[in-house]
Amino acid sequence: MPISLCTHTARVSDIVQIGCVWTALRWRGRGYARRVVAGALHAAEQEGVSRAVLFT
């Protein structure tokens, strides 16, 4: 079972929407979601994205 995850849920031009952020209950409060969101933003930046929206 994964500890934490997120994904790009939409992209328009140079804007990406980050959504589906999830962390398993027993691992919450340890910064895992922050790290996966940072990783998703870094990957998007490598693809030319310059702005992001977090969908909650």
PDB file of N, CA and C in Angstrom:
ATOM      1  N   MET A   1       0.847  -1.169   0.000  1.00  0.00           N
ATOM      2  CA  MET A   1       0.000   0.000   0.000  1.00  0.00           C
ATOM      3  C   MET A   1       0.897   1.239   0.000  1.00  0.00           C
ATOM      4  N   PRO A   2       0.566   2.246  -0.820  1.00  0.00           N
ATOM      5  CA  PRO A   2       1.362   3.472  -0.813  1.00  0.00           C
ATOM      6  C   PRO A   2       1.186   4.242   0.496  1.00  0.00           C
ATOM      7  N   ILE A   3       2.186   5.014   0.851  1.00  0.00           N
ATOM      8  CA  ILE A   3       2.113   5.870   2.035  1.00  0.00           C
ATOM      9  C   ILE A   3       1.411   7.172   1.690  1.00  0.00           C
ATOM     10  N   SER A   4       1.776   7.777   0.538  1.00  0.00           N
ATOM     11  CA  SER A   4       1.219   9.059   0.139  1.00  0.00           C
ATOM     12  C   SER A   4       1.298   9.193  -1.372  1.00  0.00           C
ATOM     13  N   LEU A   5       0.362   9.945  -1.960  1.00  0.00           N
ATOM     14  CA  LEU A   5       0.368  10.148  -3.400  1.00  0.00           C
ATOM     15  C   LEU A   5      -0.364  11.419  -3.783  1.00  0.00           C
ATOM     16  N   CYS A   6      -0.112  11.876  -5.004  1.00  0.00           N
ATOM     17  CA  CYS A   6      -0.873  12.965  -5.618  1.00  0.00           C
ATOM     18  C   CYS A   6      -0.674  12.858  -7.120  1.00  0.00           C
ATOM     19  N   THR A   7      -1.432  13.627  -7.872  1.00  0.00           N
ATOM     20  CA  THR A   7      -1.342  13.560  -9.320  1.00  0.00           C
ATOM     21  C   THR A   7      -1.695  14.900  -9.939  1.00  0.00           C
ATOM     22  N   HIS A   8      -1.331  15.062 -11.189  1.00  0.00           N
ATOM     23  CA  HIS A   8      -1.800  16.203 -11.978  1.00  0.00           C
ATOM     24  C   HIS A   8      -3.189  15.814 -12.466  1.00  0.00           C
ATOM     25  N   THR A   9      -4.197  16.592 -12.145  1.00  0.00           N
ATOM     26  CA  THR A   9      -5.558  16.246 -12.575  1.00  0.00           C
ATOM     27  C   THR A   9      -5.988  17.001 -13.812  1.00  0.00           C
ATOM     28  N   ALA A  10      -5.278  18.077 -14.169  1.00  0.00           N
ATOM     29  CA  ALA A  10      -5.587  18.831 -15.382  1.00  0.00           C
ATOM     30  C   ALA A  10      -4.396  19.701 -15.733  1.00  0.00           C
ATOM     31  N   ARG A  11      -4.302  20.019 -17.030  1.00  0.00           N
ATOM     32  CA  ARG A  11      -3.258  20.945 -17.485  1.00  0.00           C
ATOM     33  C   ARG A  11      -3.794  21.767 -18.638  1.00  0.00           C
ATOM     34  N   VAL A  12      -3.576  23.068 -18.565  1.00  0.00           N
ATOM     35  CA  VAL A  12      -3.936  23.986 -19.637  1.00  0.00           C
ATOM     36  C   VAL A  12      -2.731  24.890 -19.849  1.00  0.00           C
ATOM     37  N   SER A  13      -2.158  24.837 -21.041  1.00  0.00           N
ATOM     38  CA  SER A  13      -1.003  25.658 -21.380  1.00  0.00           C
ATOM     39  C   SER A  13       0.096  25.462 -20.347  1.00  0.00           C
ATOM     40  N   ASP A  14       0.459  26.516 -19.615  1.00  0.00           N
ATOM     41  CA  ASP A  14       1.546  26.409 -18.640  1.00  0.00           C
ATOM     42  C   ASP A  14       1.040  26.329 -17.199  1.00  0.00           C
ATOM     43  N   ILE A  15      -0.220  25.917 -17.036  1.00  0.00           N
ATOM     44  CA  ILE A  15      -0.831  25.799 -15.706  1.00  0.00           C
ATOM     45  C   ILE A  15      -1.197  24.339 -15.457  1.00  0.00           C
ATOM     46  N   VAL A  16      -0.861  23.843 -14.290  1.00  0.00           N
ATOM     47  CA  VAL A  16      -1.222  22.480 -13.922  1.00  0.00           C
ATOM     48  C   VAL A  16      -2.093  22.513 -12.664  1.00  0.00           C
ATOM     49  N   GLN A  17      -3.024  21.584 -12.606  1.00  0.00           N
ATOM     50  CA  GLN A  17      -3.849  21.428 -11.410  1.00  0.00           C
ATOM     51  C   GLN A  17      -3.377  20.186 -10.676  1.00  0.00           C
ATOM     52  N   ILE A  18      -3.028  20.355  -9.419  1.00  0.00           N
ATOM     53  CA  ILE A  18      -2.612  19.238  -8.570  1.00  0.00           C
ATOM     54  C   ILE A  18      -3.817  18.819  -7.744  1.00  0.00           C
ATOM     55  N   GLY A  19      -4.095  17.539  -7.721  1.00  0.00           N
ATOM     56  CA  GLY A  19      -5.232  17.053  -6.953  1.00  0.00           C
ATOM     57  C   GLY A  19      -5.006  15.626  -6.503  1.00  0.00           C
ATOM     58  N   CYS A  20      -6.024  15.069  -5.932  1.00  0.00           N
ATOM     59  CA  CYS A  20      -5.967  13.686  -5.444  1.00  0.00           C
ATOM     60  C   CYS A  20      -4.812  13.478  -4.470  1.00  0.00           C
ATOM     61  N   VAL A  21      -4.572  14.452  -3.609  1.00  0.00           N
ATOM     62  CA  VAL A  21      -3.512  14.320  -2.610  1.00  0.00           C
ATOM     63  C   VAL A  21      -4.050  13.440  -1.485  1.00  0.00           C
ATOM     64  N   TRP A  22      -3.290  12.421  -1.160  1.00  0.00           N
ATOM     65  CA  TRP A  22      -3.749  11.449  -0.170  1.00  0.00           C
ATOM     66  C   TRP A  22      -2.557  10.898   0.603  1.00  0.00           C
ATOM     67  N   THR A  23      -2.744  10.695   1.881  1.00  0.00           N
ATOM     68  CA  THR A  23      -1.763  10.017   2.737  1.00  0.00           C
ATOM     69  C   THR A  23      -2.515   9.030   3.623  1.00  0.00           C
ATOM     70  N   ALA A  24      -1.968   7.834   3.733  1.00  0.00           N
ATOM     71  CA  ALA A  24      -2.569   6.818   4.595  1.00  0.00           C
ATOM     72  C   ALA A  24      -2.683   7.363   6.015  1.00  0.00           C
ATOM     73  N   LEU A  25      -3.773   7.041   6.667  1.00  0.00           N
ATOM     74  CA  LEU A  25      -4.085   7.590   7.984  1.00  0.00           C
ATOM     75  C   LEU A  25      -2.933   7.447   8.980  1.00  0.00           C
ATOM     76  N   ARG A  26      -2.328   6.289   9.042  1.00  0.00           N
ATOM     77  CA  ARG A  26      -1.272   6.072  10.042  1.00  0.00           C
ATOM     78  C   ARG A  26       0.001   6.854   9.763  1.00  0.00           C
ATOM     79  N   TRP A  27       0.165   7.426   8.550  1.00  0.00           N
ATOM     80  CA  TRP A  27       1.365   8.173   8.178  1.00  0.00           C
ATOM     81  C   TRP A  27       1.133   9.680   8.107  1.00  0.00           C
ATOM     82  N   ARG A  28      -0.068  10.150   8.419  1.00  0.00           N
ATOM     83  CA  ARG A  28      -0.374  11.576   8.328  1.00  0.00           C
ATOM     84  C   ARG A  28       0.378  12.377   9.387  1.00  0.00           C
ATOM     85  N   GLY A  29       0.614  13.661   9.054  1.00  0.00           N
ATOM     86  CA  GLY A  29       1.292  14.562   9.978  1.00  0.00           C
ATOM     87  C   GLY A  29       2.807  14.447   9.978  1.00  0.00           C
ATOM     88  N   ARG A  30       3.356  13.744   9.003  1.00  0.00           N
ATOM     89  CA  ARG A  30       4.807  13.538   8.939  1.00  0.00           C
ATOM     90  C   ARG A  30       5.443  14.204   7.721  1.00  0.00           C
ATOM     91  N   GLY A  31       4.648  14.961   6.948  1.00  0.00           N
ATOM     92  CA  GLY A  31       5.196  15.693   5.804  1.00  0.00           C
ATOM     93  C   GLY A  31       5.237  14.935   4.493  1.00  0.00           C
ATOM     94  N   TYR A  32       4.661  13.730   4.447  1.00  0.00           N
ATOM     95  CA  TYR A  32       4.704  12.958   3.207  1.00  0.00           C
ATOM     96  C   TYR A  32       3.914  13.622   2.080  1.00  0.00           C
ATOM     97  N   ALA A  33       2.739  14.144   2.358  1.00  0.00           N
ATOM     98  CA  ALA A  33       1.941  14.808   1.317  1.00  0.00           C
ATOM     99  C   ALA A  33       2.684  16.027   0.784  1.00  0.00           C
ATOM    100  N   ARG A  34       3.305  16.776   1.660  1.00  0.00           N
ATOM    101  CA  ARG A  34       4.084  17.941   1.235  1.00  0.00           C
ATOM    102  C   ARG A  34       5.178  17.509   0.258  1.00  0.00           C
ATOM    103  N   ARG A  35       5.814  16.389   0.528  1.00  0.00           N
ATOM    104  CA  ARG A  35       6.896  15.899  -0.339  1.00  0.00           C
ATOM    105  C   ARG A  35       6.379  15.419  -1.687  1.00  0.00           C
ATOM    106  N   VAL A  36       5.254  14.702  -1.709  1.00  0.00           N
ATOM    107  CA  VAL A  36       4.754  14.233  -3.010  1.00  0.00           C
ATOM    108  C   VAL A  36       4.225  15.395  -3.844  1.00  0.00           C
ATOM    109  N   VAL A  37       3.631  16.405  -3.214  1.00  0.00           N
ATOM    110  CA  VAL A  37       3.186  17.587  -3.953  1.00  0.00           C
ATOM    111  C   VAL A  37       4.405  18.329  -4.509  1.00  0.00           C
ATOM    112  N   ALA A  38       5.442  18.473  -3.707  1.00  0.00           N
ATOM    113  CA  ALA A  38       6.669  19.119  -4.187  1.00  0.00           C
ATOM    114  C   ALA A  38       7.255  18.358  -5.370  1.00  0.00           C
ATOM    115  N   GLY A  39       7.231  17.043  -5.307  1.00  0.00           N
ATOM    116  CA  GLY A  39       7.731  16.228  -6.419  1.00  0.00           C
ATOM    117  C   GLY A  39       6.888  16.393  -7.669  1.00  0.00           C
ATOM    118  N   ALA A  40       5.569  16.446  -7.505  1.00  0.00           N
ATOM    119  CA  ALA A  40       4.676  16.643  -8.656  1.00  0.00           C
ATOM    120  C   ALA A  40       4.897  18.016  -9.276  1.00  0.00           C
ATOM    121  N   LEU A  41       5.096  19.029  -8.436  1.00  0.00           N
ATOM    122  CA  LEU A  41       5.361  20.376  -8.951  1.00  0.00           C
ATOM    123  C   LEU A  41       6.700  20.436  -9.666  1.00  0.00           C
ATOM    124  N   HIS A  42       7.686  19.758  -9.143  1.00  0.00           N
ATOM    125  CA  HIS A  42       8.993  19.719  -9.794  1.00  0.00           C
ATOM    126  C   HIS A  42       8.891  19.040 -11.164  1.00  0.00           C
ATOM    127  N   ALA A  43       8.181  17.922 -11.226  1.00  0.00           N
ATOM    128  CA  ALA A  43       8.003  17.225 -12.503  1.00  0.00           C
ATOM    129  C   ALA A  43       7.267  18.109 -13.509  1.00  0.00           C
ATOM    130  N   ALA A  44       6.240  18.822 -13.054  1.00  0.00           N
ATOM    131  CA  ALA A  44       5.493  19.718 -13.935  1.00  0.00           C
ATOM    132  C   ALA A  44       6.389  20.846 -14.433  1.00  0.00           C
ATOM    133  N   GLU A  45       7.221  21.383 -13.555  1.00  0.00           N
ATOM    134  CA  GLU A  45       8.142  22.450 -13.941  1.00  0.00           C
ATOM    135  C   GLU A  45       9.095  21.972 -15.036  1.00  0.00           C
ATOM    136  N   GLN A  46       9.542  20.737 -14.935  1.00  0.00           N
ATOM    137  CA  GLN A  46      10.426  20.162 -15.953  1.00  0.00           C
ATOM    138  C   GLN A  46       9.726  20.035 -17.304  1.00  0.00           C
ATOM    139  N   GLU A  47       8.389  20.019 -17.289  1.00  0.00           N
ATOM    140  CA  GLU A  47       7.588  19.929 -18.521  1.00  0.00           C
ATOM    141  C   GLU A  47       7.138  21.296 -19.016  1.00  0.00           C
ATOM    142  N   GLY A  48       7.657  22.380 -18.423  1.00  0.00           N
ATOM    143  CA  GLY A  48       7.346  23.712 -18.881  1.00  0.00           C
ATOM    144  C   GLY A  48       6.229  24.427 -18.158  1.00  0.00           C
ATOM    145  N   VAL A  49       5.719  23.861 -17.095  1.00  0.00           N
ATOM    146  CA  VAL A  49       4.652  24.483 -16.327  1.00  0.00           C
ATOM    147  C   VAL A  49       5.246  25.596 -15.454  1.00  0.00           C
ATOM    148  N   SER A  50       4.583  26.739 -15.411  1.00  0.00           N
ATOM    149  CA  SER A  50       5.073  27.841 -14.593  1.00  0.00           C
ATOM    150  C   SER A  50       4.116  28.239 -13.476  1.00  0.00           C
ATOM    151  N   ARG A  51       2.882  27.706 -13.513  1.00  0.00           N
ATOM    152  CA  ARG A  51       1.905  28.012 -12.459  1.00  0.00           C
ATOM    153  C   ARG A  51       1.152  26.736 -12.099  1.00  0.00           C
ATOM    154  N   ALA A  52       0.666  26.709 -10.856  1.00  0.00           N
ATOM    155  CA  ALA A  52      -0.067  25.532 -10.395  1.00  0.00           C
ATOM    156  C   ALA A  52      -1.245  25.958  -9.528  1.00  0.00           C
ATOM    157  N   VAL A  53      -2.254  25.096  -9.536  1.00  0.00           N
ATOM    158  CA  VAL A  53      -3.437  25.258  -8.699  1.00  0.00           C
ATOM    159  C   VAL A  53      -3.591  23.964  -7.917  1.00  0.00           C
ATOM    160  N   LEU A  54      -3.814  24.087  -6.613  1.00  0.00           N
ATOM    161  CA  LEU A  54      -4.063  22.905  -5.786  1.00  0.00           C
ATOM    162  C   LEU A  54      -5.561  22.746  -5.640  1.00  0.00           C
ATOM    163  N   PHE A  55      -6.096  21.625  -6.114  1.00  0.00           N
ATOM    164  CA  PHE A  55      -7.521  21.335  -6.020  1.00  0.00           C
ATOM    165  C   PHE A  55      -7.751  20.442  -4.820  1.00  0.00           C
ATOM    166  N   THR A  56      -8.564  20.941  -3.867  1.00  0.00           N
ATOM    167  CA  THR A  56      -8.836  20.145  -2.670  1.00  0.00           C
ATOM    168  C   THR A  56     -10.303  19.845  -2.556  1.00  0.00           C
TER     169      THR A  56
END
